[in-house]
PDB file of N, CA and C in Angstrom:
ATOM      1  N   GLN A   1     -33.984  45.607  70.143  1.00  0.00           N
ATOM      2  CA  GLN A   1     -32.876  45.619  71.086  1.00  0.00           C
ATOM      3  C   GLN A   1     -31.787  44.646  70.643  1.00  0.00           C
ATOM      4  N   VAL A   2     -30.581  44.974  71.019  1.00  0.00           N
ATOM      5  CA  VAL A   2     -29.437  44.121  70.711  1.00  0.00           C
ATOM      6  C   VAL A   2     -28.750  43.770  72.022  1.00  0.00           C
ATOM      7  N   GLN A   3     -28.451  42.527  72.188  1.00  0.00           N
ATOM      8  CA  GLN A   3     -27.671  42.092  73.332  1.00  0.00           C
ATOM      9  C   GLN A   3     -26.270  41.716  72.864  1.00  0.00           C
ATOM     10  N   LEU A   4     -25.293  42.171  73.610  1.00  0.00           N
ATOM     11  CA  LEU A   4     -23.891  41.903  73.277  1.00  0.00           C
ATOM     12  C   LEU A   4     -23.234  41.211  74.459  1.00  0.00           C
ATOM     13  N   VAL A   5     -22.551  40.128  74.176  1.00  0.00           N
ATOM     14  CA  VAL A   5     -21.870  39.380  75.226  1.00  0.00           C
ATOM     15  C   VAL A   5     -20.419  39.186  74.848  1.00  0.00           C
ATOM     16  N   GLU A   6     -19.535  39.713  75.677  1.00  0.00           N
ATOM     17  CA  GLU A   6     -18.105  39.586  75.430  1.00  0.00           C
ATOM     18  C   GLU A   6     -17.538  38.383  76.179  1.00  0.00           C
ATOM     19  N   SER A   7     -16.459  37.862  75.653  1.00  0.00           N
ATOM     20  CA  SER A   7     -15.727  36.786  76.313  1.00  0.00           C
ATOM     21  C   SER A   7     -14.283  36.825  75.845  1.00  0.00           C
ATOM     22  N   GLY A   8     -13.438  36.073  76.517  1.00  0.00           N
ATOM     23  CA  GLY A   8     -12.060  35.936  76.077  1.00  0.00           C
ATOM     24  C   GLY A   8     -11.048  36.715  76.878  1.00  0.00           C
ATOM     25  N   GLY A   9     -11.503  37.545  77.797  1.00  0.00           N
ATOM     26  CA  GLY A   9     -10.556  38.280  78.615  1.00  0.00           C
ATOM     27  C   GLY A   9      -9.822  37.363  79.580  1.00  0.00           C
ATOM     28  N   GLY A  10      -8.842  37.913  80.239  1.00  0.00           N
ATOM     29  CA  GLY A  10      -8.085  37.114  81.197  1.00  0.00           C
ATOM     30  C   GLY A  10      -6.811  37.816  81.585  1.00  0.00           C
ATOM     31  N   SER A  11      -5.941  37.068  82.233  1.00  0.00           N
ATOM     32  CA  SER A  11      -4.664  37.596  82.690  1.00  0.00           C
ATOM     33  C   SER A  11      -3.541  36.954  81.898  1.00  0.00           C
ATOM     34  N   VAL A  12      -2.677  37.772  81.365  1.00  0.00           N
ATOM     35  CA  VAL A  12      -1.537  37.286  80.596  1.00  0.00           C
ATOM     36  C   VAL A  12      -0.304  38.082  80.973  1.00  0.00           C
ATOM     37  N   GLN A  13       0.832  37.545  80.622  1.00  0.00           N
ATOM     38  CA  GLN A  13       2.069  38.280  80.818  1.00  0.00           C
ATOM     39  C   GLN A  13       2.343  39.141  79.595  1.00  0.00           C
ATOM     40  N   ALA A  14       3.139  40.153  79.807  1.00  0.00           N
ATOM     41  CA  ALA A  14       3.513  41.031  78.709  1.00  0.00           C
ATOM     42  C   ALA A  14       4.109  40.207  77.567  1.00  0.00           C
ATOM     43  N   GLY A  15       3.718  40.573  76.366  1.00  0.00           N
ATOM     44  CA  GLY A  15       4.146  39.829  75.191  1.00  0.00           C
ATOM     45  C   GLY A  15       3.177  38.749  74.760  1.00  0.00           C
ATOM     46  N   GLY A  16       2.230  38.439  75.605  1.00  0.00           N
ATOM     47  CA  GLY A  16       1.259  37.404  75.294  1.00  0.00           C
ATOM     48  C   GLY A  16       0.148  37.891  74.388  1.00  0.00           C
ATOM     49  N   SER A  17      -0.777  36.982  74.112  1.00  0.00           N
ATOM     50  CA  SER A  17      -1.887  37.283  73.207  1.00  0.00           C
ATOM     51  C   SER A  17      -3.209  36.854  73.825  1.00  0.00           C
ATOM     52  N   LEU A  18      -4.247  37.523  73.409  1.00  0.00           N
ATOM     53  CA  LEU A  18      -5.607  37.149  73.759  1.00  0.00           C
ATOM     54  C   LEU A  18      -6.496  37.420  72.556  1.00  0.00           C
ATOM     55  N   ARG A  19      -7.577  36.666  72.464  1.00  0.00           N
ATOM     56  CA  ARG A  19      -8.583  36.941  71.450  1.00  0.00           C
ATOM     57  C   ARG A  19      -9.912  37.127  72.163  1.00  0.00           C
ATOM     58  N   LEU A  20     -10.448  38.310  72.009  1.00  0.00           N
ATOM     59  CA  LEU A  20     -11.748  38.624  72.572  1.00  0.00           C
ATOM     60  C   LEU A  20     -12.830  38.330  71.540  1.00  0.00           C
ATOM     61  N   SER A  21     -13.993  37.995  72.055  1.00  0.00           N
ATOM     62  CA  SER A  21     -15.116  37.722  71.177  1.00  0.00           C
ATOM     63  C   SER A  21     -16.352  38.438  71.699  1.00  0.00           C
ATOM     64  N   CYS A  22     -17.149  38.959  70.794  1.00  0.00           N
ATOM     65  CA  CYS A  22     -18.406  39.606  71.131  1.00  0.00           C
ATOM     66  C   CYS A  22     -19.488  39.013  70.241  1.00  0.00           C
ATOM     67  N   VAL A  23     -20.480  38.443  70.863  1.00  0.00           N
ATOM     68  CA  VAL A  23     -21.573  37.844  70.109  1.00  0.00           C
ATOM     69  C   VAL A  23     -22.823  38.683  70.287  1.00  0.00           C
ATOM     70  N   GLY A  24     -23.410  39.080  69.177  1.00  0.00           N
ATOM     71  CA  GLY A  24     -24.631  39.859  69.207  1.00  0.00           C
ATOM     72  C   GLY A  24     -25.847  38.979  68.998  1.00  0.00           C
ATOM     73  N   SER A  25     -26.931  39.321  69.682  1.00  0.00           N
ATOM     74  CA  SER A  25     -28.179  38.598  69.511  1.00  0.00           C
ATOM     75  C   SER A  25     -29.333  39.589  69.594  1.00  0.00           C
ATOM     76  N   GLY A  26     -30.522  39.103  69.285  1.00  0.00           N
ATOM     77  CA  GLY A  26     -31.686  39.983  69.283  1.00  0.00           C
ATOM     78  C   GLY A  26     -31.871  40.599  67.911  1.00  0.00           C
ATOM     79  N   ASP A  27     -32.149  41.876  67.873  1.00  0.00           N
ATOM     80  CA  ASP A  27     -32.375  42.593  66.614  1.00  0.00           C
ATOM     81  C   ASP A  27     -31.042  42.973  65.989  1.00  0.00           C
ATOM     82  N   THR A  28     -30.345  41.979  65.502  1.00  0.00           N
ATOM     83  CA  THR A  28     -28.971  42.219  65.043  1.00  0.00           C
ATOM     84  C   THR A  28     -28.899  43.089  63.794  1.00  0.00           C
ATOM     85  N   TYR A  29     -30.027  43.300  63.112  1.00  0.00           N
ATOM     86  CA  TYR A  29     -29.997  44.225  61.976  1.00  0.00           C
ATOM     87  C   TYR A  29     -29.710  45.648  62.449  1.00  0.00           C
ATOM     88  N   MET A  30     -29.842  45.868  63.740  1.00  0.00           N
ATOM     89  CA  MET A  30     -29.556  47.175  64.317  1.00  0.00           C
ATOM     90  C   MET A  30     -28.101  47.282  64.772  1.00  0.00           C
ATOM     91  N   ALA A  31     -27.302  46.286  64.451  1.00  0.00           N
ATOM     92  CA  ALA A  31     -25.899  46.269  64.864  1.00  0.00           C
ATOM     93  C   ALA A  31     -24.999  46.228  63.643  1.00  0.00           C
ATOM     94  N   ASN A  32     -25.245  47.110  62.686  1.00  0.00           N
ATOM     95  CA  ASN A  32     -24.390  47.142  61.508  1.00  0.00           C
ATOM     96  C   ASN A  32     -22.965  47.537  61.837  1.00  0.00           C
ATOM     97  N   CYS A  33     -22.808  48.399  62.785  1.00  0.00           N
ATOM     98  CA  CYS A  33     -21.482  48.789  63.243  1.00  0.00           C
ATOM     99  C   CYS A  33     -21.232  48.120  64.586  1.00  0.00           C
ATOM    100  N   MET A  34     -20.139  47.409  64.686  1.00  0.00           N
ATOM    101  CA  MET A  34     -19.728  46.817  65.952  1.00  0.00           C
ATOM    102  C   MET A  34     -18.300  47.248  66.238  1.00  0.00           C
ATOM    103  N   ALA A  35     -18.030  47.499  67.489  1.00  0.00           N
ATOM    104  CA  ALA A  35     -16.735  48.077  67.819  1.00  0.00           C
ATOM    105  C   ALA A  35     -16.258  47.611  69.185  1.00  0.00           C
ATOM    106  N   TRP A  36     -14.963  47.774  69.391  1.00  0.00           N
ATOM    107  CA  TRP A  36     -14.346  47.515  70.687  1.00  0.00           C
ATOM    108  C   TRP A  36     -13.849  48.819  71.281  1.00  0.00           C
ATOM    109  N   PHE A  37     -14.109  48.962  72.562  1.00  0.00           N
ATOM    110  CA  PHE A  37     -13.596  50.081  73.335  1.00  0.00           C
ATOM    111  C   PHE A  37     -12.953  49.528  74.598  1.00  0.00           C
ATOM    112  N   ARG A  38     -12.181  50.362  75.247  1.00  0.00           N
ATOM    113  CA  ARG A  38     -11.605  49.926  76.519  1.00  0.00           C
ATOM    114  C   ARG A  38     -11.566  51.106  77.484  1.00  0.00           C
ATOM    115  N   GLN A  39     -11.546  50.745  78.744  1.00  0.00           N
ATOM    116  CA  GLN A  39     -11.534  51.787  79.769  1.00  0.00           C
ATOM    117  C   GLN A  39     -10.874  51.274  81.034  1.00  0.00           C
ATOM    118  N   THR A  40     -10.077  52.137  81.638  1.00  0.00           N
ATOM    119  CA  THR A  40      -9.503  51.867  82.942  1.00  0.00           C
ATOM    120  C   THR A  40     -10.060  52.885  83.926  1.00  0.00           C
ATOM    121  N   PRO A  41     -10.135  52.534  85.194  1.00  0.00           N
ATOM    122  CA  PRO A  41     -10.708  53.454  86.185  1.00  0.00           C
ATOM    123  C   PRO A  41     -10.016  54.811  86.160  1.00  0.00           C
ATOM    124  N   GLY A  42     -10.816  55.850  86.144  1.00  0.00           N
ATOM    125  CA  GLY A  42     -10.285  57.191  86.178  1.00  0.00           C
ATOM    126  C   GLY A  42      -9.859  57.737  84.830  1.00  0.00           C
ATOM    127  N   LYS A  43      -9.969  56.933  83.801  1.00  0.00           N
ATOM    128  CA  LYS A  43      -9.591  57.387  82.463  1.00  0.00           C
ATOM    129  C   LYS A  43     -10.796  57.385  81.537  1.00  0.00           C
ATOM    130  N   GLU A  44     -10.703  58.192  80.520  1.00  0.00           N
ATOM    131  CA  GLU A  44     -11.764  58.252  79.530  1.00  0.00           C
ATOM    132  C   GLU A  44     -11.750  56.979  78.683  1.00  0.00           C
ATOM    133  N   ARG A  45     -12.921  56.567  78.306  1.00  0.00           N
ATOM    134  CA  ARG A  45     -13.036  55.420  77.423  1.00  0.00           C
ATOM    135  C   ARG A  45     -12.361  55.730  76.082  1.00  0.00           C
ATOM    136  N   GLU A  46     -11.688  54.742  75.519  1.00  0.00           N
ATOM    137  CA  GLU A  46     -11.025  54.964  74.231  1.00  0.00           C
ATOM    138  C   GLU A  46     -11.373  53.859  73.254  1.00  0.00           C
ATOM    139  N   GLY A  47     -11.448  54.243  72.022  1.00  0.00           N
ATOM    140  CA  GLY A  47     -11.768  53.288  70.977  1.00  0.00           C
ATOM    141  C   GLY A  47     -10.573  52.433  70.619  1.00  0.00           C
ATOM    142  N   VAL A  48     -10.848  51.214  70.220  1.00  0.00           N
ATOM    143  CA  VAL A  48      -9.808  50.285  69.788  1.00  0.00           C
ATOM    144  C   VAL A  48      -9.942  50.037  68.286  1.00  0.00           C
ATOM    145  N   ALA A  49     -11.093  49.544  67.879  1.00  0.00           N
ATOM    146  CA  ALA A  49     -11.327  49.237  66.471  1.00  0.00           C
ATOM    147  C   ALA A  49     -12.813  49.020  66.256  1.00  0.00           C
ATOM    148  N   ARG A  50     -13.236  49.150  64.978  1.00  0.00           N
ATOM    149  CA  ARG A  50     -14.635  48.880  64.678  1.00  0.00           C
ATOM    150  C   ARG A  50     -14.728  48.217  63.333  1.00  0.00           C
ATOM    151  N   SER A  51     -15.826  47.504  63.157  1.00  0.00           N
ATOM    152  CA  SER A  51     -16.094  46.842  61.888  1.00  0.00           C
ATOM    153  C   SER A  51     -17.493  47.214  61.424  1.00  0.00           C
ATOM    154  N   TYR A  52     -17.619  47.518  60.156  1.00  0.00           N
ATOM    155  CA  TYR A  52     -18.929  47.733  59.550  1.00  0.00           C
ATOM    156  C   TYR A  52     -19.358  46.391  58.995  1.00  0.00           C
ATOM    157  N   MET A  53     -20.297  45.751  59.666  1.00  0.00           N
ATOM    158  CA  MET A  53     -20.565  44.335  59.442  1.00  0.00           C
ATOM    159  C   MET A  53     -21.033  43.999  58.023  1.00  0.00           C
ATOM    160  N   PRO A  54     -21.834  44.835  57.356  1.00  0.00           N
ATOM    161  CA  PRO A  54     -22.260  44.445  55.999  1.00  0.00           C
ATOM    162  C   PRO A  54     -21.104  44.290  55.021  1.00  0.00           C
ATOM    163  N   SER A  55     -20.058  45.075  55.195  1.00  0.00           N
ATOM    164  CA  SER A  55     -18.946  45.005  54.243  1.00  0.00           C
ATOM    165  C   SER A  55     -17.699  44.383  54.842  1.00  0.00           C
ATOM    166  N   GLY A  56     -17.629  44.330  56.152  1.00  0.00           N
ATOM    167  CA  GLY A  56     -16.422  43.844  56.814  1.00  0.00           C
ATOM    168  C   GLY A  56     -15.338  44.889  56.925  1.00  0.00           C
ATOM    169  N   GLY A  57     -15.641  46.109  56.518  1.00  0.00           N
ATOM    170  CA  GLY A  57     -14.637  47.148  56.596  1.00  0.00           C
ATOM    171  C   GLY A  57     -14.278  47.492  58.030  1.00  0.00           C
ATOM    172  N   THR A  58     -13.007  47.612  58.300  1.00  0.00           N
ATOM    173  CA  THR A  58     -12.555  47.871  59.663  1.00  0.00           C
ATOM    174  C   THR A  58     -11.686  49.120  59.702  1.00  0.00           C
ATOM    175  N   ILE A  59     -11.739  49.802  60.807  1.00  0.00           N
ATOM    176  CA  ILE A  59     -10.801  50.867  61.088  1.00  0.00           C
ATOM    177  C   ILE A  59     -10.293  50.690  62.506  1.00  0.00           C
ATOM    178  N   TYR A  60      -9.127  51.204  62.747  1.00  0.00           N
ATOM    179  CA  TYR A  60      -8.477  51.076  64.046  1.00  0.00           C
ATOM    180  C   TYR A  60      -8.123  52.458  64.575  1.00  0.00           C
ATOM    181  N   ALA A  61      -8.141  52.569  65.881  1.00  0.00           N
ATOM    182  CA  ALA A  61      -7.618  53.779  66.492  1.00  0.00           C
ATOM    183  C   ALA A  61      -6.131  53.865  66.170  1.00  0.00           C
ATOM    184  N   ASP A  62      -5.630  55.094  66.120  1.00  0.00           N
ATOM    185  CA  ASP A  62      -4.272  55.306  65.629  1.00  0.00           C
ATOM    186  C   ASP A  62      -3.226  54.498  66.367  1.00  0.00           C
ATOM    187  N   ASN A  63      -3.356  54.335  67.636  1.00  0.00           N
ATOM    188  CA  ASN A  63      -2.320  53.649  68.404  1.00  0.00           C
ATOM    189  C   ASN A  63      -2.634  52.182  68.641  1.00  0.00           C
ATOM    190  N   MET A  64      -3.585  51.632  67.892  1.00  0.00           N
ATOM    191  CA  MET A  64      -3.984  50.251  68.112  1.00  0.00           C
ATOM    192  C   MET A  64      -3.650  49.332  66.940  1.00  0.00           C
ATOM    193  N   ARG A  65      -3.425  49.905  65.767  1.00  0.00           N
ATOM    194  CA  ARG A  65      -3.392  49.073  64.570  1.00  0.00           C
ATOM    195  C   ARG A  65      -2.208  48.122  64.511  1.00  0.00           C
ATOM    196  N   ASP A  66      -1.134  48.397  65.218  1.00  0.00           N
ATOM    197  CA  ASP A  66       0.049  47.545  65.091  1.00  0.00           C
ATOM    198  C   ASP A  66      -0.103  46.204  65.798  1.00  0.00           C
ATOM    199  N   ARG A  67      -0.860  46.177  66.883  1.00  0.00           N
ATOM    200  CA  ARG A  67      -0.922  44.953  67.674  1.00  0.00           C
ATOM    201  C   ARG A  67      -2.317  44.341  67.769  1.00  0.00           C
ATOM    202  N   PHE A  68      -3.308  45.082  67.363  1.00  0.00           N
ATOM    203  CA  PHE A  68      -4.699  44.613  67.469  1.00  0.00           C
ATOM    204  C   PHE A  68      -5.270  44.424  66.074  1.00  0.00           C
ATOM    205  N   THR A  69      -6.011  43.330  65.924  1.00  0.00           N
ATOM    206  CA  THR A  69      -6.581  42.996  64.627  1.00  0.00           C
ATOM    207  C   THR A  69      -7.987  42.449  64.803  1.00  0.00           C
ATOM    208  N   ILE A  70      -8.869  42.862  63.919  1.00  0.00           N
ATOM    209  CA  ILE A  70     -10.193  42.246  63.865  1.00  0.00           C
ATOM    210  C   ILE A  70     -10.132  41.173  62.788  1.00  0.00           C
ATOM    211  N   PRO A  71     -10.196  39.911  63.171  1.00  0.00           N
ATOM    212  CA  PRO A  71     -10.122  38.831  62.175  1.00  0.00           C
ATOM    213  C   PRO A  71     -11.297  38.897  61.206  1.00  0.00           C
ATOM    214  N   ARG A  72     -11.043  38.508  59.972  1.00  0.00           N
ATOM    215  CA  ARG A  72     -12.092  38.557  58.975  1.00  0.00           C
ATOM    216  C   ARG A  72     -12.899  37.269  58.907  1.00  0.00           C
ATOM    217  N   ASP A  73     -12.514  36.271  59.664  1.00  0.00           N
ATOM    218  CA  ASP A  73     -13.204  34.987  59.570  1.00  0.00           C
ATOM    219  C   ASP A  73     -14.180  34.777  60.717  1.00  0.00           C
ATOM    220  N   SER A  74     -14.635  35.842  61.299  1.00  0.00           N
ATOM    221  CA  SER A  74     -15.549  35.712  62.425  1.00  0.00           C
ATOM    222  C   SER A  74     -16.915  35.233  61.968  1.00  0.00           C
ATOM    223  N   ALA A  75     -17.620  34.575  62.861  1.00  0.00           N
ATOM    224  CA  ALA A  75     -18.957  34.108  62.563  1.00  0.00           C
ATOM    225  C   ALA A  75     -19.904  35.294  62.450  1.00  0.00           C
ATOM    226  N   LYS A  76     -21.068  35.027  61.912  1.00  0.00           N
ATOM    227  CA  LYS A  76     -22.063  36.082  61.745  1.00  0.00           C
ATOM    228  C   LYS A  76     -22.431  36.661  63.098  1.00  0.00           C
ATOM    229  N   ASN A  77     -22.634  37.960  63.116  1.00  0.00           N
ATOM    230  CA  ASN A  77     -23.007  38.679  64.338  1.00  0.00           C
ATOM    231  C   ASN A  77     -21.967  38.535  65.442  1.00  0.00           C
ATOM    232  N   THR A  78     -20.747  38.258  65.064  1.00  0.00           N
ATOM    233  CA  THR A  78     -19.663  38.121  66.024  1.00  0.00           C
ATOM    234  C   THR A  78     -18.522  39.048  65.646  1.00  0.00           C
ATOM    235  N   LEU A  79     -18.028  39.756  66.619  1.00  0.00           N
ATOM    236  CA  LEU A  79     -16.873  40.617  66.411  1.00  0.00           C
ATOM    237  C   LEU A  79     -15.766  40.145  67.331  1.00  0.00           C
ATOM    238  N   GLN A  80     -14.645  39.794  66.757  1.00  0.00           N
ATOM    239  CA  GLN A  80     -13.518  39.352  67.562  1.00  0.00           C
ATOM    240  C   GLN A  80     -12.425  40.424  67.551  1.00  0.00           C
ATOM    241  N   LEU A  81     -11.532  40.319  68.491  1.00  0.00           N
ATOM    242  CA  LEU A  81     -10.390  41.217  68.552  1.00  0.00           C
ATOM    243  C   LEU A  81      -9.175  40.391  68.932  1.00  0.00           C
ATOM    244  N   GLN A  82      -8.255  40.258  68.015  1.00  0.00           N
ATOM    245  CA  GLN A  82      -7.009  39.558  68.280  1.00  0.00           C
ATOM    246  C   GLN A  82      -5.999  40.560  68.808  1.00  0.00           C
ATOM    247  N   MET A  83      -5.483  40.305  69.992  1.00  0.00           N
ATOM    248  CA  MET A  83      -4.549  41.227  70.622  1.00  0.00           C
ATOM    249  C   MET A  83      -3.224  40.496  70.822  1.00  0.00           C
ATOM    250  N   ASP A  84      -2.196  40.998  70.200  1.00  0.00           N
ATOM    251  CA  ASP A  84      -0.866  40.391  70.256  1.00  0.00           C
ATOM    252  C   ASP A  84       0.138  41.318  70.923  1.00  0.00           C
ATOM    253  N   ASN A  85       1.203  40.731  71.396  1.00  0.00           N
ATOM    254  CA  ASN A  85       2.278  41.505  72.043  1.00  0.00           C
ATOM    255  C   ASN A  85       1.695  42.466  73.080  1.00  0.00           C
ATOM    256  N   LEU A  86       0.895  41.933  73.946  1.00  0.00           N
ATOM    257  CA  LEU A  86       0.206  42.767  74.925  1.00  0.00           C
ATOM    258  C   LEU A  86       1.181  43.413  75.896  1.00  0.00           C
ATOM    259  N   LYS A  87       0.816  44.603  76.316  1.00  0.00           N
ATOM    260  CA  LYS A  87       1.636  45.387  77.221  1.00  0.00           C
ATOM    261  C   LYS A  87       0.838  45.696  78.486  1.00  0.00           C
ATOM    262  N   PRO A  88       1.512  45.966  79.594  1.00  0.00           N
ATOM    263  CA  PRO A  88       0.772  46.291  80.824  1.00  0.00           C
ATOM    264  C   PRO A  88      -0.214  47.437  80.636  1.00  0.00           C
ATOM    265  N   GLU A  89       0.108  48.382  79.778  1.00  0.00           N
ATOM    266  CA  GLU A  89      -0.798  49.511  79.564  1.00  0.00           C
ATOM    267  C   GLU A  89      -2.059  49.125  78.795  1.00  0.00           C
ATOM    268  N   ASP A  90      -2.122  47.896  78.306  1.00  0.00           N
ATOM    269  CA  ASP A  90      -3.339  47.405  77.673  1.00  0.00           C
ATOM    270  C   ASP A  90      -4.343  46.895  78.706  1.00  0.00           C
ATOM    271  N   THR A  91      -3.934  46.842  79.944  1.00  0.00           N
ATOM    272  CA  THR A  91      -4.837  46.410  81.002  1.00  0.00           C
ATOM    273  C   THR A  91      -6.038  47.334  81.074  1.00  0.00           C
ATOM    274  N   ALA A  92      -7.219  46.762  80.949  1.00  0.00           N
ATOM    275  CA  ALA A  92      -8.452  47.554  80.926  1.00  0.00           C
ATOM    276  C   ALA A  92      -9.647  46.616  80.869  1.00  0.00           C
ATOM    277  N   MET A  93     -10.806  47.193  81.061  1.00  0.00           N
ATOM    278  CA  MET A  93     -12.039  46.500  80.746  1.00  0.00           C
ATOM    279  C   MET A  93     -12.338  46.776  79.279  1.00  0.00           C
ATOM    280  N   TYR A  94     -12.554  45.730  78.524  1.00  0.00           N
ATOM    281  CA  TYR A  94     -12.833  45.864  77.103  1.00  0.00           C
ATOM    282  C   TYR A  94     -14.322  45.657  76.854  1.00  0.00           C
ATOM    283  N   TYR A  95     -14.895  46.605  76.142  1.00  0.00           N
ATOM    284  CA  TYR A  95     -16.323  46.581  75.881  1.00  0.00           C
ATOM    285  C   TYR A  95     -16.607  46.463  74.392  1.00  0.00           C
ATOM    286  N   CYS A  96     -17.633  45.723  74.094  1.00  0.00           N
ATOM    287  CA  CYS A  96     -18.166  45.652  72.745  1.00  0.00           C
ATOM    288  C   CYS A  96     -19.356  46.599  72.652  1.00  0.00           C
ATOM    289  N   ALA A  97     -19.463  47.272  71.525  1.00  0.00           N
ATOM    290  CA  ALA A  97     -20.564  48.210  71.324  1.00  0.00           C
ATOM    291  C   ALA A  97     -21.104  48.073  69.913  1.00  0.00           C
ATOM    292  N   ALA A  98     -22.328  48.523  69.715  1.00  0.00           N
ATOM    293  CA  ALA A  98     -22.945  48.418  68.399  1.00  0.00           C
ATOM    294  C   ALA A  98     -23.893  49.587  68.159  1.00  0.00           C
ATOM    295  N   LYS A  99     -24.060  49.915  66.900  1.00  0.00           N
ATOM    296  CA  LYS A  99     -25.046  50.901  66.488  1.00  0.00           C
ATOM    297  C   LYS A  99     -25.535  50.529  65.113  1.00  0.00           C
ATOM    298  N   ARG A 100     -26.639  51.157  64.724  1.00  0.00           N
ATOM    299  CA  ARG A 100     -27.267  50.704  63.484  1.00  0.00           C
ATOM    300  C   ARG A 100     -26.668  51.347  62.261  1.00  0.00           C
ATOM    301  N   TYR A 101     -26.546  52.673  62.314  1.00  0.00           N
ATOM    302  CA  TYR A 101     -26.253  53.402  61.081  1.00  0.00           C
ATOM    303  C   TYR A 101     -24.807  53.847  60.998  1.00  0.00           C
ATOM    304  N   PHE A 102     -24.310  53.784  59.792  1.00  0.00           N
ATOM    305  CA  PHE A 102     -23.024  54.352  59.438  1.00  0.00           C
ATOM    306  C   PHE A 102     -23.185  55.863  59.413  1.00  0.00           C
ATOM    307  N   PRO A 103     -22.167  56.650  59.789  1.00  0.00           N
ATOM    308  CA  PRO A 103     -20.808  56.249  60.111  1.00  0.00           C
ATOM    309  C   PRO A 103     -20.646  55.799  61.561  1.00  0.00           C
ATOM    310  N   CYS A 104     -19.625  55.053  61.801  1.00  0.00           N
ATOM    311  CA  CYS A 104     -19.325  54.586  63.147  1.00  0.00           C
ATOM    312  C   CYS A 104     -17.826  54.707  63.376  1.00  0.00           C
ATOM    313  N   GLY A 105     -17.469  55.445  64.397  1.00  0.00           N
ATOM    314  CA  GLY A 105     -16.070  55.755  64.630  1.00  0.00           C
ATOM    315  C   GLY A 105     -15.458  54.966  65.768  1.00  0.00           C
ATOM    316  N   VAL A 106     -14.252  55.328  66.114  1.00  0.00           N
ATOM    317  CA  VAL A 106     -13.535  54.712  67.230  1.00  0.00           C
ATOM    318  C   VAL A 106     -12.995  55.794  68.147  1.00  0.00           C
ATOM    319  N   GLY A 107     -13.848  56.761  68.438  1.00  0.00           N
ATOM    320  CA  GLY A 107     -13.475  57.789  69.390  1.00  0.00           C
ATOM    321  C   GLY A 107     -13.756  57.331  70.805  1.00  0.00           C
ATOM    322  N   THR A 108     -14.632  58.049  71.463  1.00  0.00           N
ATOM    323  CA  THR A 108     -14.986  57.687  72.840  1.00  0.00           C
ATOM    324  C   THR A 108     -16.197  56.763  72.895  1.00  0.00           C
ATOM    325  N   GLY A 109     -16.875  56.586  71.761  1.00  0.00           N
ATOM    326  CA  GLY A 109     -17.994  55.661  71.723  1.00  0.00           C
ATOM    327  C   GLY A 109     -19.316  56.243  72.140  1.00  0.00           C
ATOM    328  N   ASP A 110     -19.387  57.541  72.332  1.00  0.00           N
ATOM    329  CA  ASP A 110     -20.634  58.138  72.805  1.00  0.00           C
ATOM    330  C   ASP A 110     -21.794  57.911  71.840  1.00  0.00           C
ATOM    331  N   GLU A 111     -21.476  57.690  70.554  1.00  0.00           N
ATOM    332  CA  GLU A 111     -22.542  57.538  69.566  1.00  0.00           C
ATOM    333  C   GLU A 111     -23.092  56.125  69.479  1.00  0.00           C
ATOM    334  N   TYR A 112     -22.488  55.196  70.208  1.00  0.00           N
ATOM    335  CA  TYR A 112     -22.945  53.816  70.119  1.00  0.00           C
ATOM    336  C   TYR A 112     -24.138  53.584  71.038  1.00  0.00           C
ATOM    337  N   THR A 113     -25.053  52.748  70.557  1.00  0.00           N
ATOM    338  CA  THR A 113     -26.330  52.546  71.235  1.00  0.00           C
ATOM    339  C   THR A 113     -26.307  51.377  72.216  1.00  0.00           C
ATOM    340  N   TYR A 114     -25.684  50.306  71.796  1.00  0.00           N
ATOM    341  CA  TYR A 114     -25.739  49.070  72.586  1.00  0.00           C
ATOM    342  C   TYR A 114     -24.350  48.727  73.113  1.00  0.00           C
ATOM    343  N   TRP A 115     -24.326  48.231  74.333  1.00  0.00           N
ATOM    344  CA  TRP A 115     -23.063  47.920  74.989  1.00  0.00           C
ATOM    345  C   TRP A 115     -23.150  46.585  75.710  1.00  0.00           C
ATOM    346  N   GLY A 116     -22.039  45.860  75.687  1.00  0.00           N
ATOM    347  CA  GLY A 116     -21.942  44.659  76.488  1.00  0.00           C
ATOM    348  C   GLY A 116     -21.473  44.989  77.890  1.00  0.00           C
ATOM    349  N   GLN A 117     -21.341  43.963  78.705  1.00  0.00           N
ATOM    350  CA  GLN A 117     -20.947  44.142  80.092  1.00  0.00           C
ATOM    351  C   GLN A 117     -19.440  44.278  80.263  1.00  0.00           C
ATOM    352  N   GLY A 118     -18.703  43.897  79.255  1.00  0.00           N
ATOM    353  CA  GLY A 118     -17.260  44.038  79.316  1.00  0.00           C
ATOM    354  C   GLY A 118     -16.545  42.757  79.723  1.00  0.00           C
ATOM    355  N   THR A 119     -15.307  42.674  79.321  1.00  0.00           N
ATOM    356  CA  THR A 119     -14.454  41.562  79.724  1.00  0.00           C
ATOM    357  C   THR A 119     -13.092  42.138  80.120  1.00  0.00           C
ATOM    358  N   GLN A 120     -12.594  41.712  81.257  1.00  0.00           N
ATOM    359  CA  GLN A 120     -11.379  42.299  81.816  1.00  0.00           C
ATOM    360  C   GLN A 120     -10.135  41.671  81.191  1.00  0.00           C
ATOM    361  N   VAL A 121      -9.215  42.527  80.822  1.00  0.00           N
ATOM    362  CA  VAL A 121      -7.901  42.091  80.336  1.00  0.00           C
ATOM    363  C   VAL A 121      -6.858  42.661  81.282  1.00  0.00           C
ATOM    364  N   THR A 122      -6.033  41.791  81.807  1.00  0.00           N
ATOM    365  CA  THR A 122      -4.968  42.209  82.719  1.00  0.00           C
ATOM    366  C   THR A 122      -3.639  41.690  82.194  1.00  0.00           C
ATOM    367  N   VAL A 123      -2.711  42.601  81.978  1.00  0.00           N
ATOM    368  CA  VAL A 123      -1.398  42.242  81.453  1.00  0.00           C
ATOM    369  C   VAL A 123      -0.353  42.573  82.509  1.00  0.00           C
ATOM    370  N   SER A 124       0.374  41.586  82.924  1.00  0.00           N
ATOM    371  CA  SER A 124       1.396  41.791  83.943  1.00  0.00           C
ATOM    372  C   SER A 124       2.781  41.867  83.313  1.00  0.00           C
ATOM    373  N   SER A 125       3.641  42.622  83.960  1.00  0.00           N
ATOM    374  CA  SER A 125       4.998  42.814  83.409  1.00  0.00           C
ATOM    375  C   SER A 125       5.934  41.726  83.873  1.00  0.00           C
TER     376      SER A 125
END
């Protein structure tokens, strides 16, 4: 089993920045792929970005790459998400997810096995 704990959410004004962190514990060899997703009530979950931990390779959802970055200097078993120039439409619950085997995408996340409890991000205009 893998446990994922997110932190770093909060309330910011538009244009601000936040850095989310997800720390994995337990059987972390089963968390080769780690990813961020977000969801707002009544909307489908959407992918933000993912990292393949053995190589550090990252991919981003098409509309996320300009303002969101997965830092490369994260600690082991940790996935961070640097979010800059935040907009009100970025308001959502952000979830960390993990799975063992490649490939790992940034679609709706249905293929991911492990999920954290989420951290709320609220951006005010």
